[in-house]
């Protein structure tokens, strides 16, 4: 398979994974030679793919996990992590959700934003565009940083 196609597929999959998301995939794609703006659009779109599923199903999944012997600890950890992030939402509401997703730091992003939105009962029609704008903003920040690093390293 062509190296460019492999880089595109890998970047798309990295963008959809928790933790790495767009923050890891975009710099990686640019470093692997993808056009920065193409990589930006690819990573933003792919980072949004899991969001509706998280919003629709995470409460049921966490409920199921908490009732199992093996996954109860993970469920508690996820809920505790989300509760720590809810303060931003409580303080700023939808703007807080945007900020939570837009700041490209560990523990923020589309997955965390979708988890918080689902636990807060934010409607899909409000959560998806807010998270999408946050992902786009985080992508612009990461694009700027990535391009600076690439230009410095040559």
N, C-alpha and C. Protein backbone atom coordinates (compact mmCIF):
# COMPACT_ATOMS: atom_id res chain seq x y z
N UNK A 1 0.85 -1.19 0.00
CA UNK A 1 0.00 0.00 0.00
C UNK A 1 0.89 1.24 0.00
N UNK A 2 0.47 2.25 -0.70
CA UNK A 2 1.18 3.51 -0.80
C UNK A 2 1.43 4.11 0.59
N UNK A 3 2.62 4.68 0.80
CA UNK A 3 2.98 5.25 2.11
C UNK A 3 2.04 6.39 2.51
N UNK A 4 1.63 7.21 1.55
CA UNK A 4 0.72 8.32 1.85
C UNK A 4 -0.63 7.79 2.31
N UNK A 5 -1.13 6.77 1.66
CA UNK A 5 -2.41 6.17 2.05
C UNK A 5 -2.30 5.59 3.46
N UNK A 6 -1.19 4.94 3.74
CA UNK A 6 -0.98 4.39 5.09
C UNK A 6 -0.95 5.50 6.13
N UNK A 7 -0.28 6.59 5.83
CA UNK A 7 -0.22 7.73 6.76
C UNK A 7 -1.60 8.31 6.98
N UNK A 8 -2.39 8.41 5.93
CA UNK A 8 -3.76 8.93 6.05
C UNK A 8 -4.59 8.01 6.95
N UNK A 9 -4.53 6.71 6.70
CA UNK A 9 -5.29 5.75 7.51
C UNK A 9 -4.84 5.77 8.97
N UNK A 10 -3.54 5.79 9.18
CA UNK A 10 -3.02 5.82 10.55
C UNK A 10 -3.42 7.11 11.27
N UNK A 11 -3.35 8.23 10.56
CA UNK A 11 -3.73 9.51 11.16
C UNK A 11 -5.22 9.53 11.51
N UNK A 12 -6.03 8.97 10.62
CA UNK A 12 -7.47 8.90 10.87
C UNK A 12 -7.75 8.07 12.12
N UNK A 13 -7.13 6.91 12.21
CA UNK A 13 -7.35 6.04 13.38
C UNK A 13 -6.82 6.65 14.67
N UNK A 14 -5.65 7.27 14.61
CA UNK A 14 -5.11 7.94 15.80
C UNK A 14 -6.04 9.05 16.28
N UNK A 15 -6.65 9.76 15.34
CA UNK A 15 -7.58 10.85 15.69
C UNK A 15 -8.81 10.35 16.42
N UNK A 16 -9.17 9.12 16.18
CA UNK A 16 -10.39 8.55 16.80
C UNK A 16 -10.12 7.90 18.15
N UNK A 17 -8.86 7.74 18.52
CA UNK A 17 -8.55 7.03 19.76
C UNK A 17 -8.62 7.97 20.96
N UNK A 18 -9.05 7.44 22.10
CA UNK A 18 -9.00 8.27 23.30
C UNK A 18 -7.55 8.56 23.68
N UNK A 19 -7.33 9.60 24.40
CA UNK A 19 -6.04 10.07 24.88
C UNK A 19 -5.26 10.78 23.76
N UNK A 20 -4.88 10.07 22.70
CA UNK A 20 -4.13 10.72 21.62
C UNK A 20 -4.99 11.73 20.87
N UNK A 21 -6.10 11.27 20.35
CA UNK A 21 -7.03 12.10 19.59
C UNK A 21 -6.29 12.95 18.56
N UNK A 22 -6.82 14.11 18.30
CA UNK A 22 -6.25 15.04 17.33
C UNK A 22 -4.90 15.56 17.79
N UNK A 23 -4.72 15.73 19.10
CA UNK A 23 -3.49 16.28 19.65
C UNK A 23 -2.25 15.46 19.29
N UNK A 24 -2.42 14.17 19.16
CA UNK A 24 -1.31 13.31 18.77
C UNK A 24 -1.28 13.05 17.28
N UNK A 25 -2.46 12.91 16.69
CA UNK A 25 -2.55 12.54 15.28
C UNK A 25 -2.10 13.65 14.34
N UNK A 26 -2.46 14.88 14.62
CA UNK A 26 -2.14 15.98 13.71
C UNK A 26 -0.63 16.23 13.62
N UNK A 27 0.09 16.37 14.73
CA UNK A 27 1.54 16.53 14.59
C UNK A 27 2.21 15.32 13.91
N UNK A 28 1.69 14.14 14.22
CA UNK A 28 2.24 12.94 13.63
C UNK A 28 2.04 12.95 12.11
N UNK A 29 0.83 13.33 11.66
CA UNK A 29 0.52 13.36 10.23
C UNK A 29 1.40 14.37 9.50
N UNK A 30 1.59 15.53 10.11
CA UNK A 30 2.42 16.56 9.48
C UNK A 30 3.88 16.10 9.43
N UNK A 31 4.35 15.51 10.52
CA UNK A 31 5.73 15.01 10.55
C UNK A 31 5.95 13.90 9.52
N UNK A 32 4.88 13.15 9.20
CA UNK A 32 4.98 12.07 8.21
C UNK A 32 4.81 12.59 6.77
N UNK A 33 4.64 13.92 6.61
CA UNK A 33 4.65 14.49 5.27
C UNK A 33 3.29 14.84 4.67
N UNK A 34 2.21 14.67 5.41
CA UNK A 34 0.91 15.08 4.86
C UNK A 34 0.84 16.60 4.79
N UNK A 35 0.12 17.10 3.80
CA UNK A 35 -0.13 18.53 3.71
C UNK A 35 -0.79 18.98 5.01
N UNK A 36 -0.29 20.04 5.65
CA UNK A 36 -0.83 20.44 6.95
C UNK A 36 -2.33 20.71 6.96
N UNK A 37 -2.85 21.36 5.95
CA UNK A 37 -4.29 21.66 5.95
C UNK A 37 -5.13 20.41 5.68
N UNK A 38 -4.63 19.54 4.83
CA UNK A 38 -5.31 18.26 4.63
C UNK A 38 -5.30 17.46 5.93
N UNK A 39 -4.16 17.42 6.59
CA UNK A 39 -4.04 16.70 7.86
C UNK A 39 -4.98 17.30 8.90
N UNK A 40 -5.08 18.63 8.94
CA UNK A 40 -5.98 19.31 9.88
C UNK A 40 -7.42 18.85 9.67
N UNK A 41 -7.90 18.94 8.43
CA UNK A 41 -9.29 18.56 8.13
C UNK A 41 -9.51 17.08 8.44
N UNK A 42 -8.60 16.23 8.01
CA UNK A 42 -8.70 14.79 8.27
C UNK A 42 -8.80 14.51 9.76
N UNK A 43 -7.91 15.09 10.54
CA UNK A 43 -7.87 14.82 11.97
C UNK A 43 -9.08 15.39 12.71
N UNK A 44 -9.54 16.57 12.31
CA UNK A 44 -10.74 17.15 12.94
C UNK A 44 -11.95 16.27 12.66
N UNK A 45 -12.15 15.91 11.40
CA UNK A 45 -13.31 15.09 11.03
C UNK A 45 -13.26 13.74 11.74
N UNK A 46 -12.11 13.10 11.71
CA UNK A 46 -11.99 11.77 12.33
C UNK A 46 -12.07 11.83 13.85
N UNK A 47 -11.61 12.91 14.47
CA UNK A 47 -11.73 13.05 15.92
C UNK A 47 -13.21 13.16 16.33
N UNK A 48 -14.04 13.63 15.43
CA UNK A 48 -15.48 13.77 15.72
C UNK A 48 -16.27 12.48 15.53
N UNK A 49 -15.72 11.51 14.83
CA UNK A 49 -16.46 10.27 14.54
C UNK A 49 -17.00 9.58 15.80
N UNK A 50 -16.21 9.40 16.85
CA UNK A 50 -16.75 8.70 18.02
C UNK A 50 -17.72 9.53 18.88
N UNK A 51 -17.72 10.84 18.71
CA UNK A 51 -18.47 11.73 19.62
C UNK A 51 -19.96 11.39 19.71
N UNK A 52 -20.70 11.27 18.60
CA UNK A 52 -22.13 10.94 18.74
C UNK A 52 -22.38 9.61 19.45
N UNK A 53 -21.50 8.64 19.19
CA UNK A 53 -21.65 7.33 19.84
C UNK A 53 -21.41 7.43 21.34
N UNK A 54 -20.41 8.22 21.72
CA UNK A 54 -20.14 8.42 23.14
C UNK A 54 -21.34 9.10 23.79
N UNK A 55 -21.84 10.14 23.16
CA UNK A 55 -22.98 10.88 23.71
C UNK A 55 -24.21 9.99 23.87
N UNK A 56 -24.43 9.12 22.91
CA UNK A 56 -25.64 8.28 22.93
C UNK A 56 -25.52 7.07 23.85
N UNK A 57 -24.32 6.51 23.97
CA UNK A 57 -24.22 5.21 24.63
C UNK A 57 -23.37 5.15 25.90
N UNK A 58 -22.62 6.19 26.23
CA UNK A 58 -21.67 6.07 27.34
C UNK A 58 -22.36 5.84 28.69
N UNK A 59 -23.51 6.43 28.91
CA UNK A 59 -24.18 6.22 30.19
C UNK A 59 -24.55 4.76 30.38
N UNK A 60 -25.07 4.12 29.34
CA UNK A 60 -25.41 2.70 29.42
C UNK A 60 -24.17 1.83 29.57
N UNK A 61 -23.12 2.17 28.86
CA UNK A 61 -21.87 1.41 28.94
C UNK A 61 -21.29 1.51 30.35
N UNK A 62 -21.26 2.71 30.91
CA UNK A 62 -20.73 2.89 32.27
C UNK A 62 -21.59 2.18 33.31
N UNK A 63 -22.90 2.19 33.10
CA UNK A 63 -23.80 1.47 34.00
C UNK A 63 -23.51 -0.03 33.96
N UNK A 64 -23.36 -0.55 32.76
CA UNK A 64 -23.03 -1.97 32.62
C UNK A 64 -21.67 -2.28 33.25
N UNK A 65 -20.67 -1.43 32.96
CA UNK A 65 -19.33 -1.65 33.50
C UNK A 65 -19.31 -1.65 35.02
N UNK A 66 -20.08 -0.75 35.62
CA UNK A 66 -20.07 -0.65 37.09
C UNK A 66 -20.66 -1.89 37.75
N UNK A 67 -21.44 -2.65 37.01
CA UNK A 67 -22.03 -3.87 37.55
C UNK A 67 -21.19 -5.11 37.32
N UNK A 68 -20.02 -4.96 36.72
CA UNK A 68 -19.15 -6.11 36.46
C UNK A 68 -17.96 -6.10 37.42
N UNK A 69 -17.42 -7.25 37.63
CA UNK A 69 -16.28 -7.39 38.52
C UNK A 69 -15.01 -6.79 37.91
N UNK A 70 -14.83 -6.98 36.62
CA UNK A 70 -13.60 -6.57 35.97
C UNK A 70 -13.56 -5.11 35.54
N UNK A 71 -14.70 -4.53 35.23
CA UNK A 71 -14.72 -3.18 34.69
C UNK A 71 -15.24 -2.12 35.65
N UNK A 72 -15.65 -2.51 36.84
CA UNK A 72 -16.19 -1.55 37.81
C UNK A 72 -15.16 -0.48 38.17
N UNK A 73 -13.91 -0.87 38.35
CA UNK A 73 -12.86 0.09 38.68
C UNK A 73 -12.63 1.10 37.57
N UNK A 74 -12.65 0.63 36.33
CA UNK A 74 -12.48 1.53 35.19
C UNK A 74 -13.65 2.50 35.12
N UNK A 75 -14.85 1.99 35.35
CA UNK A 75 -16.04 2.83 35.34
C UNK A 75 -15.94 3.93 36.40
N UNK A 76 -15.53 3.55 37.61
CA UNK A 76 -15.37 4.54 38.69
C UNK A 76 -14.31 5.58 38.32
N UNK A 77 -13.20 5.12 37.74
CA UNK A 77 -12.13 6.03 37.34
C UNK A 77 -12.62 7.03 36.29
N UNK A 78 -13.34 6.55 35.27
CA UNK A 78 -13.87 7.43 34.23
C UNK A 78 -14.85 8.45 34.80
N UNK A 79 -15.73 7.98 35.68
CA UNK A 79 -16.70 8.90 36.28
C UNK A 79 -16.01 9.95 37.15
N UNK A 80 -15.02 9.56 37.90
CA UNK A 80 -14.29 10.51 38.75
C UNK A 80 -13.55 11.53 37.89
N UNK A 81 -12.94 11.05 36.85
CA UNK A 81 -12.22 11.95 35.92
C UNK A 81 -13.18 12.95 35.30
N UNK A 82 -14.34 12.48 34.87
CA UNK A 82 -15.33 13.37 34.26
C UNK A 82 -15.86 14.37 35.29
N UNK A 83 -16.09 13.93 36.50
CA UNK A 83 -16.61 14.84 37.54
C UNK A 83 -15.64 15.98 37.81
N UNK A 84 -14.35 15.71 37.75
CA UNK A 84 -13.36 16.77 37.95
C UNK A 84 -13.44 17.81 36.84
N UNK A 85 -13.79 17.38 35.65
CA UNK A 85 -13.88 18.29 34.50
C UNK A 85 -15.23 19.03 34.46
N UNK A 86 -16.22 18.54 35.19
CA UNK A 86 -17.55 19.14 35.15
C UNK A 86 -17.59 20.55 35.73
N UNK A 87 -16.62 20.89 36.57
CA UNK A 87 -16.60 22.23 37.14
C UNK A 87 -16.56 23.29 36.06
N UNK A 88 -15.80 23.03 35.00
CA UNK A 88 -15.74 23.97 33.88
C UNK A 88 -17.12 24.12 33.26
N UNK A 89 -17.82 23.00 33.09
CA UNK A 89 -19.16 23.07 32.50
C UNK A 89 -20.13 23.80 33.42
N UNK A 90 -20.08 23.49 34.72
CA UNK A 90 -20.97 24.16 35.67
C UNK A 90 -20.77 25.67 35.65
N UNK A 91 -19.51 26.08 35.55
CA UNK A 91 -19.21 27.51 35.61
C UNK A 91 -19.60 28.24 34.33
N UNK A 92 -19.32 27.64 33.17
CA UNK A 92 -19.51 28.34 31.90
C UNK A 92 -20.53 27.70 30.97
N UNK A 93 -21.13 26.61 31.36
CA UNK A 93 -22.11 25.86 30.57
C UNK A 93 -21.56 25.47 29.21
N UNK A 94 -22.24 25.81 28.11
CA UNK A 94 -21.81 25.37 26.79
C UNK A 94 -20.43 25.94 26.45
N UNK A 95 -20.15 27.16 26.86
CA UNK A 95 -18.82 27.73 26.64
C UNK A 95 -17.77 26.90 27.38
N UNK A 96 -18.11 26.40 28.55
CA UNK A 96 -17.21 25.55 29.31
C UNK A 96 -16.91 24.25 28.58
N UNK A 97 -17.93 23.68 27.93
CA UNK A 97 -17.72 22.47 27.15
C UNK A 97 -16.77 22.75 25.99
N UNK A 98 -16.96 23.88 25.33
CA UNK A 98 -16.05 24.29 24.25
C UNK A 98 -14.62 24.42 24.77
N UNK A 99 -14.45 25.10 25.89
CA UNK A 99 -13.12 25.31 26.47
C UNK A 99 -12.48 23.97 26.84
N UNK A 100 -13.26 23.09 27.45
CA UNK A 100 -12.76 21.77 27.84
C UNK A 100 -12.21 21.01 26.64
N UNK A 101 -12.86 21.12 25.50
CA UNK A 101 -12.44 20.40 24.30
C UNK A 101 -11.32 21.15 23.57
N UNK A 102 -11.38 22.47 23.57
CA UNK A 102 -10.46 23.27 22.75
C UNK A 102 -9.04 23.36 23.30
N UNK A 103 -8.88 23.25 24.61
CA UNK A 103 -7.55 23.37 25.18
C UNK A 103 -6.80 22.04 24.98
N UNK A 104 -5.75 22.04 24.16
CA UNK A 104 -5.07 20.78 23.85
C UNK A 104 -4.09 20.34 24.94
N UNK A 105 -4.64 19.91 26.05
CA UNK A 105 -3.85 19.40 27.16
C UNK A 105 -4.30 17.99 27.50
N UNK A 106 -3.46 17.22 28.18
CA UNK A 106 -3.90 15.88 28.60
C UNK A 106 -5.17 15.96 29.46
N UNK A 107 -6.08 15.05 29.22
CA UNK A 107 -7.32 15.01 29.98
C UNK A 107 -8.41 15.89 29.43
N UNK A 108 -8.16 16.51 28.29
CA UNK A 108 -9.19 17.30 27.61
C UNK A 108 -9.37 16.71 26.22
N UNK A 109 -10.34 17.19 25.49
CA UNK A 109 -10.54 16.72 24.13
C UNK A 109 -11.96 16.26 23.88
N UNK A 110 -12.18 15.72 22.70
CA UNK A 110 -13.52 15.32 22.27
C UNK A 110 -14.08 14.19 23.12
N UNK A 111 -13.25 13.20 23.45
CA UNK A 111 -13.73 12.08 24.26
C UNK A 111 -14.16 12.57 25.64
N UNK A 112 -13.32 13.36 26.29
CA UNK A 112 -13.66 13.88 27.62
C UNK A 112 -14.86 14.81 27.54
N UNK A 113 -14.89 15.67 26.53
CA UNK A 113 -16.02 16.58 26.35
C UNK A 113 -17.32 15.83 26.14
N UNK A 114 -17.28 14.78 25.35
CA UNK A 114 -18.49 13.99 25.10
C UNK A 114 -18.92 13.26 26.37
N UNK A 115 -17.96 12.74 27.13
CA UNK A 115 -18.28 12.07 28.39
C UNK A 115 -18.94 13.04 29.36
N UNK A 116 -18.35 14.22 29.52
CA UNK A 116 -18.92 15.23 30.42
C UNK A 116 -20.31 15.66 29.94
N UNK A 117 -20.45 15.90 28.64
CA UNK A 117 -21.74 16.32 28.09
C UNK A 117 -22.81 15.25 28.33
N UNK A 118 -22.45 13.99 28.13
CA UNK A 118 -23.41 12.90 28.34
C UNK A 118 -23.82 12.82 29.81
N UNK A 119 -22.85 12.91 30.70
CA UNK A 119 -23.15 12.83 32.13
C UNK A 119 -23.96 14.04 32.61
N UNK A 120 -23.77 15.18 31.96
CA UNK A 120 -24.52 16.39 32.32
C UNK A 120 -25.89 16.44 31.66
N UNK A 121 -26.15 15.51 30.75
CA UNK A 121 -27.44 15.49 30.06
C UNK A 121 -27.58 16.54 28.97
N UNK A 122 -26.44 17.01 28.44
CA UNK A 122 -26.49 17.99 27.34
C UNK A 122 -27.06 17.30 26.11
N UNK A 123 -28.02 17.94 25.48
CA UNK A 123 -28.67 17.37 24.30
C UNK A 123 -27.66 17.22 23.15
N UNK A 124 -27.86 16.19 22.35
CA UNK A 124 -27.00 15.89 21.21
C UNK A 124 -26.87 17.10 20.28
N UNK A 125 -27.98 17.79 20.03
CA UNK A 125 -27.95 18.91 19.08
C UNK A 125 -27.18 20.12 19.62
N UNK A 126 -26.95 20.18 20.92
CA UNK A 126 -26.12 21.24 21.49
C UNK A 126 -24.68 20.76 21.67
N UNK A 127 -24.53 19.50 22.06
CA UNK A 127 -23.19 18.98 22.37
C UNK A 127 -22.34 18.79 21.12
N UNK A 128 -22.89 18.22 20.07
CA UNK A 128 -22.07 17.90 18.88
C UNK A 128 -21.47 19.16 18.26
N UNK A 129 -22.25 20.22 17.99
CA UNK A 129 -21.61 21.41 17.39
C UNK A 129 -20.61 22.08 18.34
N UNK A 130 -20.90 22.07 19.62
CA UNK A 130 -19.97 22.68 20.59
C UNK A 130 -18.67 21.90 20.63
N UNK A 131 -18.76 20.60 20.68
CA UNK A 131 -17.55 19.76 20.68
C UNK A 131 -16.81 19.91 19.36
N UNK A 132 -17.53 19.98 18.25
CA UNK A 132 -16.90 20.15 16.94
C UNK A 132 -16.13 21.47 16.87
N UNK A 133 -16.70 22.53 17.39
CA UNK A 133 -15.98 23.81 17.41
C UNK A 133 -14.74 23.73 18.30
N UNK A 134 -14.86 23.04 19.42
CA UNK A 134 -13.72 22.85 20.30
C UNK A 134 -12.61 22.05 19.63
N UNK A 135 -12.99 20.99 18.92
CA UNK A 135 -12.02 20.17 18.20
C UNK A 135 -11.34 21.01 17.11
N UNK A 136 -12.13 21.81 16.39
CA UNK A 136 -11.56 22.66 15.34
C UNK A 136 -10.57 23.66 15.94
N UNK A 137 -10.91 24.24 17.08
CA UNK A 137 -10.01 25.20 17.74
C UNK A 137 -8.75 24.51 18.24
N UNK A 138 -8.90 23.35 18.87
CA UNK A 138 -7.73 22.58 19.32
C UNK A 138 -6.85 22.22 18.12
N UNK A 139 -7.49 21.89 17.01
CA UNK A 139 -6.75 21.56 15.80
C UNK A 139 -5.94 22.74 15.28
N UNK A 140 -6.52 23.93 15.34
CA UNK A 140 -5.78 25.12 14.90
C UNK A 140 -4.58 25.39 15.81
N UNK A 141 -4.78 25.20 17.10
CA UNK A 141 -3.67 25.37 18.04
C UNK A 141 -2.57 24.35 17.73
N UNK A 142 -2.97 23.09 17.56
CA UNK A 142 -1.98 22.04 17.28
C UNK A 142 -1.33 22.23 15.91
N UNK A 143 -2.08 22.73 14.94
CA UNK A 143 -1.52 23.00 13.61
C UNK A 143 -0.44 24.07 13.71
N UNK A 144 -0.74 25.13 14.45
CA UNK A 144 0.22 26.22 14.64
C UNK A 144 1.49 25.72 15.33
N UNK A 145 1.30 24.96 16.41
CA UNK A 145 2.45 24.42 17.14
C UNK A 145 3.24 23.45 16.26
N UNK A 146 2.53 22.58 15.57
CA UNK A 146 3.20 21.59 14.72
C UNK A 146 3.99 22.25 13.60
N UNK A 147 3.42 23.26 12.99
CA UNK A 147 4.13 23.94 11.90
C UNK A 147 5.36 24.67 12.44
N UNK A 148 5.27 25.20 13.65
CA UNK A 148 6.43 25.86 14.25
C UNK A 148 7.53 24.86 14.53
N UNK A 149 7.18 23.71 15.05
CA UNK A 149 8.17 22.67 15.35
C UNK A 149 8.80 22.16 14.06
N UNK A 150 7.97 21.92 13.03
CA UNK A 150 8.49 21.42 11.75
C UNK A 150 9.43 22.45 11.13
N UNK A 151 9.09 23.74 11.21
CA UNK A 151 9.96 24.76 10.61
C UNK A 151 11.27 24.89 11.37
N UNK A 152 11.23 24.71 12.68
CA UNK A 152 12.46 24.78 13.48
C UNK A 152 13.36 23.59 13.20
N UNK A 153 12.73 22.39 13.10
CA UNK A 153 13.52 21.18 12.87
C UNK A 153 13.94 21.02 11.41
N UNK A 154 13.31 21.80 10.54
CA UNK A 154 13.70 21.74 9.13
C UNK A 154 12.91 20.72 8.42
